[in-house]
Amino acid sequence: MYQEHARPKPPSFLEFNKEILFGECGAFLLAYGAAFLAADFTHNAAIISGSVVVGTLLGGTVFWLAARIFHKLSGNRWSPGSLVTDIGYFTPAALTLGFLVYDPAIYFASHYFLVHSAGVGHSVLFAQLIAFTLFLASMNCYRAILMRSGLRRL
């Protein structure tokens, strides 16, 4: 009897958000490290805020990718092709929303807090809470649009 290959089941809403949240953990760790490293060399709020943005980009990317691969492996949905397809749908939106929403929010919020004497640690924490909330809402709107349009289920 011929068995049709089932399409791999997309990650659930919870898995999708866990991956983004895990990516944000990486972003938070590297942003903190980058901010304190920059603060060791300068007290310029613009440079410290810029280093926060770079840290979030690197940390978020590495941790998100690790979480995505883990969920694919644990759900028996692993294939290099499906990962590449997911990245093809996820990355353009994540980059666009990251550059339009997350990065400006984290830069300007951390800069604001630094200028108003909140300290490096508090500035990074508060800025990341603001930026991540905006980014998470944006990515879930994108996911909902893809699902409703029938184009892809991330």
Protein backbone atom coordinates (compact mmCIF):
# COMPACT_ATOMS: atom_id res chain seq x y z
CA MET A 1 0.00 0.00 0.00
CA TYR A 2 1.27 3.43 -0.93
CA GLN A 3 1.78 5.82 1.96
CA GLU A 4 1.79 9.46 1.25
CA HIS A 5 4.50 11.35 3.08
CA ALA A 6 2.95 13.68 5.57
CA ARG A 7 4.08 17.26 5.55
CA PRO A 8 6.12 18.04 8.63
CA LYS A 9 3.99 19.60 11.31
CA PRO A 10 4.90 23.26 11.85
CA PRO A 11 5.87 24.40 15.32
CA SER A 12 3.01 25.32 17.59
CA PHE A 13 2.34 28.87 18.72
CA LEU A 14 4.11 28.02 21.97
CA GLU A 15 7.16 26.51 20.22
CA PHE A 16 7.39 29.49 17.88
CA ASN A 17 7.38 31.93 20.78
CA LYS A 18 9.76 29.77 22.84
CA GLU A 19 12.24 29.97 19.98
CA ILE A 20 11.96 33.75 19.85
CA LEU A 21 12.18 33.95 23.65
CA PHE A 22 15.27 31.72 23.66
CA GLY A 23 16.75 33.96 20.97
CA GLU A 24 16.04 36.93 23.21
CA CYS A 25 17.91 35.21 26.07
CA GLY A 26 20.96 35.08 23.80
CA ALA A 27 20.37 38.68 22.77
CA PHE A 28 20.15 39.71 26.40
CA LEU A 29 23.36 37.92 27.38
CA LEU A 30 25.42 39.32 24.55
CA ALA A 31 23.87 42.78 24.84
CA TYR A 32 24.81 42.91 28.50
CA GLY A 33 28.34 41.77 27.78
CA ALA A 34 28.73 44.20 24.89
CA ALA A 35 27.33 47.12 26.89
CA PHE A 36 29.60 46.56 29.87
CA LEU A 37 32.60 46.00 27.60
CA ALA A 38 31.89 49.26 25.77
CA ALA A 39 31.34 51.05 29.08
CA ASP A 40 34.82 49.94 30.18
CA PHE A 41 36.29 51.93 27.28
CA THR A 42 33.93 54.89 27.04
CA HIS A 43 31.13 56.70 28.78
CA ASN A 44 29.60 57.74 25.47
CA ALA A 45 25.92 56.67 25.57
CA ALA A 46 25.73 56.42 21.77
CA ILE A 47 28.63 53.94 21.61
CA ILE A 48 27.29 51.87 24.49
CA SER A 49 23.81 51.79 22.91
CA GLY A 50 25.33 50.81 19.57
CA SER A 51 27.17 47.93 21.22
CA VAL A 52 23.88 46.79 22.75
CA VAL A 53 22.38 46.57 19.25
CA VAL A 54 25.34 44.52 17.95
CA GLY A 55 25.15 42.20 20.96
CA THR A 56 21.44 41.58 20.46
CA LEU A 57 21.92 40.79 16.78
CA LEU A 58 24.63 38.20 17.40
CA GLY A 59 23.15 36.62 20.51
CA GLY A 60 19.60 36.53 19.19
CA THR A 61 20.58 34.91 15.91
CA VAL A 62 22.71 32.15 17.42
CA PHE A 63 20.26 31.27 20.20
CA TRP A 64 17.18 31.37 17.91
CA LEU A 65 18.84 29.09 15.38
CA ALA A 66 19.83 26.63 18.12
CA ALA A 67 16.25 26.56 19.44
CA ARG A 68 14.80 26.10 15.95
CA ILE A 69 17.09 23.15 15.23
CA PHE A 70 16.32 21.62 18.63
CA HIS A 71 12.55 21.82 18.04
CA LYS A 72 12.90 20.30 14.59
CA LEU A 73 15.04 17.46 15.91
CA SER A 74 12.82 16.77 18.92
CA GLY A 75 9.65 16.76 16.83
CA ASN A 76 11.09 14.45 14.15
CA ARG A 77 10.69 17.28 11.64
CA TRP A 78 14.37 17.62 10.88
CA SER A 79 15.55 18.05 7.37
CA PRO A 80 18.04 20.56 6.06
CA GLY A 81 15.53 21.57 3.39
CA SER A 82 12.77 22.37 5.86
CA LEU A 83 15.18 24.37 8.02
CA VAL A 84 16.31 26.37 4.99
CA THR A 85 12.67 27.00 4.02
CA ASP A 86 11.83 28.14 7.56
CA ILE A 87 14.84 30.43 7.59
CA GLY A 88 13.76 31.76 4.20
CA TYR A 89 10.37 32.77 5.62
CA PHE A 90 11.51 33.77 9.10
CA THR A 91 14.76 35.65 8.44
CA PRO A 92 13.52 38.36 6.04
CA ALA A 93 10.69 39.24 8.42
CA ALA A 94 12.89 39.00 11.50
CA LEU A 95 15.56 41.19 9.89
CA THR A 96 13.04 43.71 8.61
CA LEU A 97 11.17 43.92 11.91
CA GLY A 98 14.46 43.83 13.78
CA PHE A 99 15.86 46.79 11.85
CA LEU A 100 12.57 48.74 11.80
CA VAL A 101 11.25 47.95 15.30
CA TYR A 102 13.67 46.15 17.64
CA ASP A 103 17.00 47.83 16.91
CA PRO A 104 15.72 51.43 16.95
CA ALA A 105 13.69 50.72 20.09
CA ILE A 106 16.62 49.18 21.94
CA TYR A 107 19.06 51.84 20.76
CA PHE A 108 16.89 54.84 21.62
CA ALA A 109 15.55 53.37 24.87
CA SER A 110 19.00 52.36 26.14
CA HIS A 111 20.40 55.73 25.07
CA TYR A 112 17.59 57.52 26.89
CA PHE A 113 18.14 55.53 30.09
CA LEU A 114 21.91 55.95 29.93
CA VAL A 115 21.63 59.71 29.45
CA HIS A 116 19.20 59.88 32.37
CA SER A 117 21.62 58.06 34.70
CA ALA A 118 19.89 54.69 34.89
CA GLY A 119 23.25 52.88 34.69
CA VAL A 120 24.35 50.34 32.13
CA GLY A 121 22.63 47.31 33.65
CA HIS A 122 19.25 48.94 34.12
CA SER A 123 19.44 50.66 30.74
CA VAL A 124 20.00 47.37 28.92
CA LEU A 125 17.28 45.59 30.91
CA PHE A 126 14.60 48.25 30.41
CA ALA A 127 15.48 48.79 26.76
CA GLN A 128 15.34 45.07 26.03
CA LEU A 129 11.96 44.71 27.71
CA ILE A 130 10.57 47.50 25.53
CA ALA A 131 12.19 46.34 22.30
CA PHE A 132 11.41 42.65 22.80
CA THR A 133 7.75 43.31 23.55
CA LEU A 134 7.43 45.26 20.30
CA PHE A 135 9.38 42.64 18.32
CA LEU A 136 7.42 39.68 19.72
CA ALA A 137 4.11 41.33 18.90
CA SER A 138 5.34 42.14 15.38
CA MET A 139 6.61 38.60 14.69
CA ASN A 140 3.37 37.05 15.89
CA CYS A 141 1.41 39.37 13.62
CA TYR A 142 3.64 38.24 10.72
CA ARG A 143 3.10 34.57 11.65
CA ALA A 144 -0.67 35.11 11.79
CA ILE A 145 -0.64 36.76 8.36
CA LEU A 146 1.33 33.85 6.88
CA MET A 147 -1.00 31.28 8.43
CA ARG A 148 -4.18 33.06 7.31
CA SER A 149 -2.86 33.53 3.80
CA GLY A 150 -1.96 29.85 3.60
CA LEU A 151 1.58 30.67 2.44
CA ARG A 152 3.47 29.08 5.30
CA ARG A 153 3.08 27.95 8.88
CA LEU A 154 5.97 29.12 11.03
